[in-house]
Amino acid sequence: MTLRSFRRFYKDVGVEPLADGYRVVLDGRGIRTPKGQAFVVPSLALAEAIGAEWRAQEGEIKPQALPLTGLANAAIDHISPARQRFAEDLLGFACSDLLCYRAEGPEALIARQREAWDPLLLWAAERFGAHFALQSGVMPVAQPEATIAAISRALEGHGAFALAGLTSAVTLLGSVVLGLALREGRLGAVEAFALARLDETFQEEAWGIDAEATRRARAMEAELVLAERFLRLI
C-alpha cells in the first residue's frame, strides 16, 4: 500500500490469525505497510475494524479514508524501530504539560482551570506517583525529577501500537496527563479535548466564536476520537 490515492483493486476483505497477531487480507493476500513490512496488528478487534475500513472503500481509495490503517502503519514502520525515542518525546510533554500552566487572571478563568484540571493532576499523583508543580503565567516551571521519573515509568510499558495512539493524543492535547487519562479510560476523547481547550472556550464565551478556529478545533477533536478508538481496539 502506498500513500497515494489508488483504485480499489480487490473484491474480498478478510482477517486471518497469525502466531504474533492478526493480518488483514485482500483477496487472500496480506496487506503491507508503506515500507513493505508485513501488516500485523495485536488484536482481532483492531484487525476487524481495519478490515471494515477497506471493505467500505469504493472506486478511488484515499489514505485519509483509512485512518486506523494509517495509525497501524505508523506503529509498524516508524514507532516499532524507535520505540524508546517516541516514549522520550512523550516524556518531554511532562516538562511542559498544559495542565501545569495557569492563568494569572481573570479570577473566573483561574477558578475554572482549578476546578477542571486539578482532579486530573490528583489522579496522576495517585495513579503514577507523579506530583506536578504549577505555574501562573507562561514562564517555564521545572518539574521534580521524581515526577519525570514517574511518568517515564508510566510510559515504558507501552508497545508500539499504544505509543502510536498516545503520540497522536498527547500531541493534540498538549498534555501527557490528559493523554494517559485517555489511555487508561479515566477520560473520553470529547471530555479530554474540552479540558485541553478550556482557555479557548473561555475566550470564546467572552469575545465570540471564530469560524476558522472552530473548524480547526473540530478537525482536531475528530483526530482525538480516532486515537481513542485505536487505543481501545488494541
C-alpha atoms as a PDB file:
ATOM      1  CA  MET A   1       0.000   0.000   0.000  1.00  0.00           C
ATOM      2  CA  THR A   2       1.282   3.471  -0.850  1.00  0.00           C
ATOM      3  CA  LEU A   3       0.420   6.923   0.453  1.00  0.00           C
ATOM      4  CA  ARG A   4      -1.046   7.927  -2.921  1.00  0.00           C
ATOM      5  CA  SER A   5      -4.664   7.530  -3.936  1.00  0.00           C
ATOM      6  CA  PHE A   6      -5.408   4.351  -5.865  1.00  0.00           C
ATOM      7  CA  ARG A   7      -8.319   2.471  -7.365  1.00  0.00           C
ATOM      8  CA  ARG A   8      -9.931  -0.360  -5.477  1.00  0.00           C
ATOM      9  CA  PHE A   9      -8.274  -3.476  -6.884  1.00  0.00           C
ATOM     10  CA  TYR A  10      -9.740  -6.187  -4.637  1.00  0.00           C
ATOM     11  CA  LYS A  11     -13.093  -7.886  -4.143  1.00  0.00           C
ATOM     12  CA  ASP A  12     -12.881  -9.609  -0.783  1.00  0.00           C
ATOM     13  CA  VAL A  13     -11.527  -8.444   2.579  1.00  0.00           C
ATOM     14  CA  GLY A  14     -10.758 -10.841   5.397  1.00  0.00           C
ATOM     15  CA  VAL A  15      -8.875 -11.215   8.669  1.00  0.00           C
ATOM     16  CA  GLU A  16      -6.522 -14.069   9.482  1.00  0.00           C
ATOM     17  CA  PRO A  17      -4.846 -15.052  12.766  1.00  0.00           C
ATOM     18  CA  LEU A  18      -1.063 -15.359  12.914  1.00  0.00           C
ATOM     19  CA  ALA A  19       1.330 -16.508  15.604  1.00  0.00           C
ATOM     20  CA  ASP A  20       2.106 -12.892  16.552  1.00  0.00           C
ATOM     21  CA  GLY A  21      -1.237 -11.194  15.909  1.00  0.00           C
ATOM     22  CA  TYR A  22      -3.704 -10.736  13.071  1.00  0.00           C
ATOM     23  CA  ARG A  23      -3.469  -9.618   9.477  1.00  0.00           C
ATOM     24  CA  VAL A  24      -5.917  -8.115   7.009  1.00  0.00           C
ATOM     25  CA  VAL A  25      -6.081  -9.877   3.647  1.00  0.00           C
ATOM     26  CA  LEU A  26      -7.336  -8.545   0.318  1.00  0.00           C
ATOM     27  CA  ASP A  27      -8.386 -11.373  -1.984  1.00  0.00           C
ATOM     28  CA  GLY A  28      -6.376 -13.697   0.252  1.00  0.00           C
ATOM     29  CA  ARG A  29      -3.162 -11.643   0.256  1.00  0.00           C
ATOM     30  CA  GLY A  30      -1.950  -9.815   3.334  1.00  0.00           C
ATOM     31  CA  ILE A  31      -1.574  -6.057   3.022  1.00  0.00           C
ATOM     32  CA  ARG A  32       1.799  -4.456   3.666  1.00  0.00           C
ATOM     33  CA  THR A  33       2.907  -1.160   5.153  1.00  0.00           C
ATOM     34  CA  PRO A  34       4.249   1.729   3.040  1.00  0.00           C
ATOM     35  CA  LYS A  35       7.769   0.485   3.883  1.00  0.00           C
ATOM     36  CA  GLY A  36       6.912  -3.006   2.689  1.00  0.00           C
ATOM     37  CA  GLN A  37       6.646  -4.668   6.078  1.00  0.00           C
ATOM     38  CA  ALA A  38       4.047  -7.266   6.972  1.00  0.00           C
ATOM     39  CA  PHE A  39       0.931  -5.561   8.299  1.00  0.00           C
ATOM     40  CA  VAL A  40       0.281  -7.397  11.581  1.00  0.00           C
ATOM     41  CA  VAL A  41      -1.801  -5.900  14.397  1.00  0.00           C
ATOM     42  CA  PRO A  42      -2.032  -7.103  18.006  1.00  0.00           C
ATOM     43  CA  SER A  43      -5.781  -7.682  18.387  1.00  0.00           C
ATOM     44  CA  LEU A  44      -8.656  -9.227  16.487  1.00  0.00           C
ATOM     45  CA  ALA A  45     -10.804  -6.173  17.240  1.00  0.00           C
ATOM     46  CA  LEU A  46      -8.325  -3.828  15.562  1.00  0.00           C
ATOM     47  CA  ALA A  47      -7.870  -6.151  12.584  1.00  0.00           C
ATOM     48  CA  GLU A  48     -11.627  -6.370  12.066  1.00  0.00           C
ATOM     49  CA  ALA A  49     -12.013  -2.583  12.314  1.00  0.00           C
ATOM     50  CA  ILE A  50      -9.244  -2.068   9.766  1.00  0.00           C
ATOM     51  CA  GLY A  51     -10.800  -4.704   7.548  1.00  0.00           C
ATOM     52  CA  ALA A  52     -14.067  -2.775   7.727  1.00  0.00           C
ATOM     53  CA  GLU A  53     -12.228   0.356   6.539  1.00  0.00           C
ATOM     54  CA  TRP A  54     -11.002  -1.472   3.449  1.00  0.00           C
ATOM     55  CA  ARG A  55     -14.354  -3.145   2.852  1.00  0.00           C
ATOM     56  CA  ALA A  56     -16.138   0.222   2.879  1.00  0.00           C
ATOM     57  CA  GLN A  57     -13.996   1.714   0.099  1.00  0.00           C
ATOM     58  CA  GLU A  58     -15.409   2.199  -3.383  1.00  0.00           C
ATOM     59  CA  GLY A  59     -13.723   3.418  -6.550  1.00  0.00           C
ATOM     60  CA  GLU A  60     -10.753   5.635  -5.722  1.00  0.00           C
ATOM     61  CA  ILE A  61      -9.227   4.992  -2.302  1.00  0.00           C
ATOM     62  CA  LYS A  62      -7.535   7.846  -0.463  1.00  0.00           C
ATOM     63  CA  PRO A  63      -5.227   7.267   2.530  1.00  0.00           C
ATOM     64  CA  GLN A  64      -7.306   9.611   4.705  1.00  0.00           C
ATOM     65  CA  ALA A  65     -10.227   7.217   4.254  1.00  0.00           C
ATOM     66  CA  LEU A  66      -8.182   4.556   6.090  1.00  0.00           C
ATOM     67  CA  PRO A  67      -7.306   6.316   9.371  1.00  0.00           C
ATOM     68  CA  LEU A  68      -6.920   3.219  11.557  1.00  0.00           C
ATOM     69  CA  THR A  69      -4.725   1.688   8.869  1.00  0.00           C
ATOM     70  CA  GLY A  70      -2.613   4.845   8.948  1.00  0.00           C
ATOM     71  CA  LEU A  71      -2.058   4.671  12.705  1.00  0.00           C
ATOM     72  CA  ALA A  72      -1.155   0.989  12.458  1.00  0.00           C
ATOM     73  CA  ASN A  73       1.295   1.765   9.642  1.00  0.00           C
ATOM     74  CA  ALA A  74       2.919   4.406  11.853  1.00  0.00           C
ATOM     75  CA  ALA A  75       3.238   1.907  14.698  1.00  0.00           C
ATOM     76  CA  ILE A  76       4.900  -0.701  12.477  1.00  0.00           C
ATOM     77  CA  ASP A  77       7.078   1.442  10.211  1.00  0.00           C
ATOM     78  CA  HIS A  78       8.121   4.295  12.468  1.00  0.00           C
ATOM     79  CA  ILE A  79       7.476   3.655  16.155  1.00  0.00           C
ATOM     80  CA  SER A  80       8.424  -0.010  16.487  1.00  0.00           C
ATOM     81  CA  PRO A  81      12.039   0.549  15.296  1.00  0.00           C
ATOM     82  CA  ALA A  82      12.423   3.603  17.573  1.00  0.00           C
ATOM     83  CA  ARG A  83      10.083   2.923  20.483  1.00  0.00           C
ATOM     84  CA  GLN A  84      12.386   4.472  23.084  1.00  0.00           C
ATOM     85  CA  ARG A  85      12.697   7.721  21.149  1.00  0.00           C
ATOM     86  CA  PHE A  86       8.934   8.077  20.823  1.00  0.00           C
ATOM     87  CA  ALA A  87       8.495   7.379  24.545  1.00  0.00           C
ATOM     88  CA  GLU A  88      11.083  10.070  25.289  1.00  0.00           C
ATOM     89  CA  ASP A  89       9.255  12.507  23.014  1.00  0.00           C
ATOM     90  CA  LEU A  90       6.087  11.925  25.018  1.00  0.00           C
ATOM     91  CA  LEU A  91       8.030  12.327  28.246  1.00  0.00           C
ATOM     92  CA  GLY A  92       9.002  15.791  27.055  1.00  0.00           C
ATOM     93  CA  PHE A  93       5.372  16.840  27.451  1.00  0.00           C
ATOM     94  CA  ALA A  94       5.674  16.148  31.181  1.00  0.00           C
ATOM     95  CA  CYS A  95       8.100  19.075  31.349  1.00  0.00           C
ATOM     96  CA  SER A  96       5.589  21.459  29.761  1.00  0.00           C
ATOM     97  CA  ASP A  97       2.207  19.896  30.473  1.00  0.00           C
ATOM     98  CA  LEU A  98      -0.730  22.151  29.652  1.00  0.00           C
ATOM     99  CA  LEU A  99      -2.401  21.449  32.987  1.00  0.00           C
ATOM    100  CA  CYS A 100       0.521  22.953  34.903  1.00  0.00           C
ATOM    101  CA  TYR A 101       0.292  26.428  33.369  1.00  0.00           C
ATOM    102  CA  ARG A 102      -2.416  28.546  34.933  1.00  0.00           C
ATOM    103  CA  ALA A 103      -3.821  31.924  34.037  1.00  0.00           C
ATOM    104  CA  GLU A 104      -2.844  34.992  36.017  1.00  0.00           C
ATOM    105  CA  GLY A 105      -6.379  36.302  35.556  1.00  0.00           C
ATOM    106  CA  PRO A 106      -9.265  36.851  35.414  1.00  0.00           C
ATOM    107  CA  GLU A 107     -10.368  35.081  38.573  1.00  0.00           C
ATOM    108  CA  ALA A 108     -13.186  33.281  36.747  1.00  0.00           C
ATOM    109  CA  LEU A 109     -10.671  31.585  34.433  1.00  0.00           C
ATOM    110  CA  ILE A 110      -8.332  30.763  37.317  1.00  0.00           C
ATOM    111  CA  ALA A 111     -11.215  29.112  39.153  1.00  0.00           C
ATOM    112  CA  ARG A 112     -12.346  27.217  36.070  1.00  0.00           C
ATOM    113  CA  GLN A 113      -8.841  25.847  35.459  1.00  0.00           C
ATOM    114  CA  ARG A 114      -8.532  24.820  39.094  1.00  0.00           C
ATOM    115  CA  GLU A 115     -11.896  23.064  39.105  1.00  0.00           C
ATOM    116  CA  ALA A 116     -11.337  21.272  35.788  1.00  0.00           C
ATOM    117  CA  TRP A 117      -7.632  20.458  35.845  1.00  0.00           C
ATOM    118  CA  ASP A 118      -6.757  19.817  39.494  1.00  0.00           C
ATOM    119  CA  PRO A 119      -8.683  16.497  39.633  1.00  0.00           C
ATOM    120  CA  LEU A 120      -6.594  15.182  36.726  1.00  0.00           C
ATOM    121  CA  LEU A 121      -3.340  16.162  38.408  1.00  0.00           C
ATOM    122  CA  LEU A 122      -4.548  14.479  41.596  1.00  0.00           C
ATOM    123  CA  TRP A 123      -5.359  11.381  39.543  1.00  0.00           C
ATOM    124  CA  ALA A 124      -1.829  11.402  38.060  1.00  0.00           C
ATOM    125  CA  ALA A 125      -0.367  11.669  41.558  1.00  0.00           C
ATOM    126  CA  GLU A 126      -2.446   8.769  42.850  1.00  0.00           C
ATOM    127  CA  ARG A 127      -2.138   6.578  39.755  1.00  0.00           C
ATOM    128  CA  PHE A 128       1.523   7.128  38.865  1.00  0.00           C
ATOM    129  CA  GLY A 129       3.070   8.924  41.840  1.00  0.00           C
ATOM    130  CA  ALA A 130       3.617  11.989  39.632  1.00  0.00           C
ATOM    131  CA  HIS A 131       3.273  15.230  41.594  1.00  0.00           C
ATOM    132  CA  PHE A 132       3.372  18.170  39.180  1.00  0.00           C
ATOM    133  CA  ALA A 133       4.452  21.710  40.036  1.00  0.00           C
ATOM    134  CA  LEU A 134       2.168  24.526  38.863  1.00  0.00           C
ATOM    135  CA  GLN A 135       2.999  27.928  37.405  1.00  0.00           C
ATOM    136  CA  SER A 136       0.942  31.071  36.877  1.00  0.00           C
ATOM    137  CA  GLY A 137       1.722  32.616  33.511  1.00  0.00           C
ATOM    138  CA  VAL A 138       3.847  31.284  30.676  1.00  0.00           C
ATOM    139  CA  MET A 139       7.314  31.162  32.238  1.00  0.00           C
ATOM    140  CA  PRO A 140       8.646  27.580  32.324  1.00  0.00           C
ATOM    141  CA  VAL A 141       8.363  25.625  35.548  1.00  0.00           C
ATOM    142  CA  ALA A 142      10.859  22.867  36.350  1.00  0.00           C
ATOM    143  CA  GLN A 143       9.167  19.625  37.297  1.00  0.00           C
ATOM    144  CA  PRO A 144      10.614  17.476  40.104  1.00  0.00           C
ATOM    145  CA  GLU A 145      12.900  14.691  38.935  1.00  0.00           C
ATOM    146  CA  ALA A 146      10.656  12.220  40.748  1.00  0.00           C
ATOM    147  CA  THR A 147       7.683  13.402  38.680  1.00  0.00           C
ATOM    148  CA  ILE A 148       9.536  12.950  35.394  1.00  0.00           C
ATOM    149  CA  ALA A 149      10.708   9.510  36.531  1.00  0.00           C
ATOM    150  CA  ALA A 150       7.148   8.531  37.458  1.00  0.00           C
ATOM    151  CA  ILE A 151       5.792   9.499  34.037  1.00  0.00           C
ATOM    152  CA  SER A 152       8.709   7.698  32.388  1.00  0.00           C
ATOM    153  CA  ARG A 153       7.700   4.522  34.215  1.00  0.00           C
ATOM    154  CA  ALA A 154       4.092   5.044  33.144  1.00  0.00           C
ATOM    155  CA  LEU A 155       5.161   5.219  29.502  1.00  0.00           C
ATOM    156  CA  GLU A 156       7.799   2.499  29.380  1.00  0.00           C
ATOM    157  CA  GLY A 157       5.386  -0.411  29.390  1.00  0.00           C
ATOM    158  CA  HIS A 158       3.583   0.702  26.238  1.00  0.00           C
ATOM    159  CA  GLY A 159       4.256  -1.081  22.976  1.00  0.00           C
ATOM    160  CA  ALA A 160       4.441   0.465  19.526  1.00  0.00           C
ATOM    161  CA  PHE A 161       0.689   0.415  18.889  1.00  0.00           C
ATOM    162  CA  ALA A 162      -0.174   2.037  22.216  1.00  0.00           C
ATOM    163  CA  LEU A 163       2.529   4.639  21.611  1.00  0.00           C
ATOM    164  CA  ALA A 164       1.025   5.397  18.196  1.00  0.00           C
ATOM    165  CA  GLY A 165      -2.313   6.237  19.778  1.00  0.00           C
ATOM    166  CA  LEU A 166      -0.700   8.064  22.684  1.00  0.00           C
ATOM    167  CA  THR A 167       1.548  10.133  20.432  1.00  0.00           C
ATOM    168  CA  SER A 168      -1.463  11.334  18.483  1.00  0.00           C
ATOM    169  CA  ALA A 169      -3.476  12.051  21.635  1.00  0.00           C
ATOM    170  CA  VAL A 170      -0.748  13.791  23.638  1.00  0.00           C
ATOM    171  CA  THR A 171       0.292  15.953  20.691  1.00  0.00           C
ATOM    172  CA  LEU A 172      -3.297  17.055  20.089  1.00  0.00           C
ATOM    173  CA  LEU A 173      -3.925  17.740  23.777  1.00  0.00           C
ATOM    174  CA  GLY A 174      -0.584  19.266  24.729  1.00  0.00           C
ATOM    175  CA  SER A 175      -0.705  17.181  27.888  1.00  0.00           C
ATOM    176  CA  VAL A 176       0.759  13.815  28.793  1.00  0.00           C
ATOM    177  CA  VAL A 177      -1.566  13.722  31.814  1.00  0.00           C
ATOM    178  CA  LEU A 178      -4.651  14.029  29.618  1.00  0.00           C
ATOM    179  CA  GLY A 179      -3.178  11.536  27.156  1.00  0.00           C
ATOM    180  CA  LEU A 180      -2.569   8.931  29.849  1.00  0.00           C
ATOM    181  CA  ALA A 181      -6.021   9.576  31.305  1.00  0.00           C
ATOM    182  CA  LEU A 182      -7.470   8.869  27.871  1.00  0.00           C
ATOM    183  CA  ARG A 183      -5.357   5.734  27.511  1.00  0.00           C
ATOM    184  CA  GLU A 184      -6.462   4.399  30.901  1.00  0.00           C
ATOM    185  CA  GLY A 185     -10.131   5.190  30.398  1.00  0.00           C
ATOM    186  CA  ARG A 186     -10.202   7.955  33.009  1.00  0.00           C
ATOM    187  CA  LEU A 187     -11.454  10.321  30.291  1.00  0.00           C
ATOM    188  CA  GLY A 188     -13.114  10.019  26.921  1.00  0.00           C
ATOM    189  CA  ALA A 189     -11.856  11.903  23.888  1.00  0.00           C
ATOM    190  CA  VAL A 190     -14.576  14.554  23.878  1.00  0.00           C
ATOM    191  CA  GLU A 191     -14.092  15.362  27.569  1.00  0.00           C
ATOM    192  CA  ALA A 192     -10.303  15.386  27.239  1.00  0.00           C
ATOM    193  CA  PHE A 193     -10.474  17.754  24.281  1.00  0.00           C
ATOM    194  CA  ALA A 194     -12.821  20.087  26.142  1.00  0.00           C
ATOM    195  CA  LEU A 195     -10.349  20.193  29.036  1.00  0.00           C
ATOM    196  CA  ALA A 196      -7.476  20.954  26.670  1.00  0.00           C
ATOM    197  CA  ARG A 197      -9.466  23.806  25.092  1.00  0.00           C
ATOM    198  CA  LEU A 198     -10.640  25.286  28.361  1.00  0.00           C
ATOM    199  CA  ASP A 199      -8.821  28.589  27.828  1.00  0.00           C
ATOM    200  CA  GLU A 200     -10.048  28.918  24.239  1.00  0.00           C
ATOM    201  CA  THR A 201     -13.618  28.185  25.301  1.00  0.00           C
ATOM    202  CA  PHE A 202     -13.393  30.857  27.992  1.00  0.00           C
ATOM    203  CA  GLN A 203     -12.223  33.393  25.418  1.00  0.00           C
ATOM    204  CA  GLU A 204     -14.995  32.393  23.007  1.00  0.00           C
ATOM    205  CA  GLU A 205     -17.577  32.979  25.716  1.00  0.00           C
ATOM    206  CA  ALA A 206     -16.205  36.474  26.224  1.00  0.00           C
ATOM    207  CA  TRP A 207     -15.459  37.536  22.650  1.00  0.00           C
ATOM    208  CA  GLY A 208     -17.429  35.246  20.371  1.00  0.00           C
ATOM    209  CA  ILE A 209     -16.629  32.259  18.181  1.00  0.00           C
ATOM    210  CA  ASP A 210     -14.238  32.397  15.236  1.00  0.00           C
ATOM    211  CA  ALA A 211     -15.442  30.158  12.409  1.00  0.00           C
ATOM    212  CA  GLU A 212     -11.972  29.123  11.244  1.00  0.00           C
ATOM    213  CA  ALA A 213     -10.813  28.338  14.783  1.00  0.00           C
ATOM    214  CA  THR A 214     -13.951  26.267  15.282  1.00  0.00           C
ATOM    215  CA  ARG A 215     -13.279  24.339  12.078  1.00  0.00           C
ATOM    216  CA  ARG A 216      -9.725  23.548  13.199  1.00  0.00           C
ATOM    217  CA  ALA A 217     -10.917  22.515  16.639  1.00  0.00           C
ATOM    218  CA  ARG A 218     -13.491  20.125  15.194  1.00  0.00           C
ATOM    219  CA  ALA A 219     -10.850  18.527  12.972  1.00  0.00           C
ATOM    220  CA  MET A 220      -8.526  18.090  15.954  1.00  0.00           C
ATOM    221  CA  GLU A 221     -11.316  16.621  18.059  1.00  0.00           C
ATOM    222  CA  ALA A 222     -12.075  14.116  15.293  1.00  0.00           C
ATOM    223  CA  GLU A 223      -8.403  13.081  15.280  1.00  0.00           C
ATOM    224  CA  LEU A 224      -8.539  12.604  19.034  1.00  0.00           C
ATOM    225  CA  VAL A 225     -11.685  10.484  18.789  1.00  0.00           C
ATOM    226  CA  LEU A 226      -9.822   8.331  16.267  1.00  0.00           C
ATOM    227  CA  ALA A 227      -6.824   7.995  18.604  1.00  0.00           C
ATOM    228  CA  GLU A 228      -9.143   6.962  21.437  1.00  0.00           C
ATOM    229  CA  ARG A 229     -10.814   4.342  19.250  1.00  0.00           C
ATOM    230  CA  PHE A 230      -7.423   2.989  18.182  1.00  0.00           C
ATOM    231  CA  LEU A 231      -6.292   2.722  21.812  1.00  0.00           C
ATOM    232  CA  ARG A 232      -9.483   0.914  22.800  1.00  0.00           C
ATOM    233  CA  LEU A 233      -9.176  -1.552  19.917  1.00  0.00           C
ATOM    234  CA  ILE A 234      -5.624  -2.677  20.650  1.00  0.00           C
END
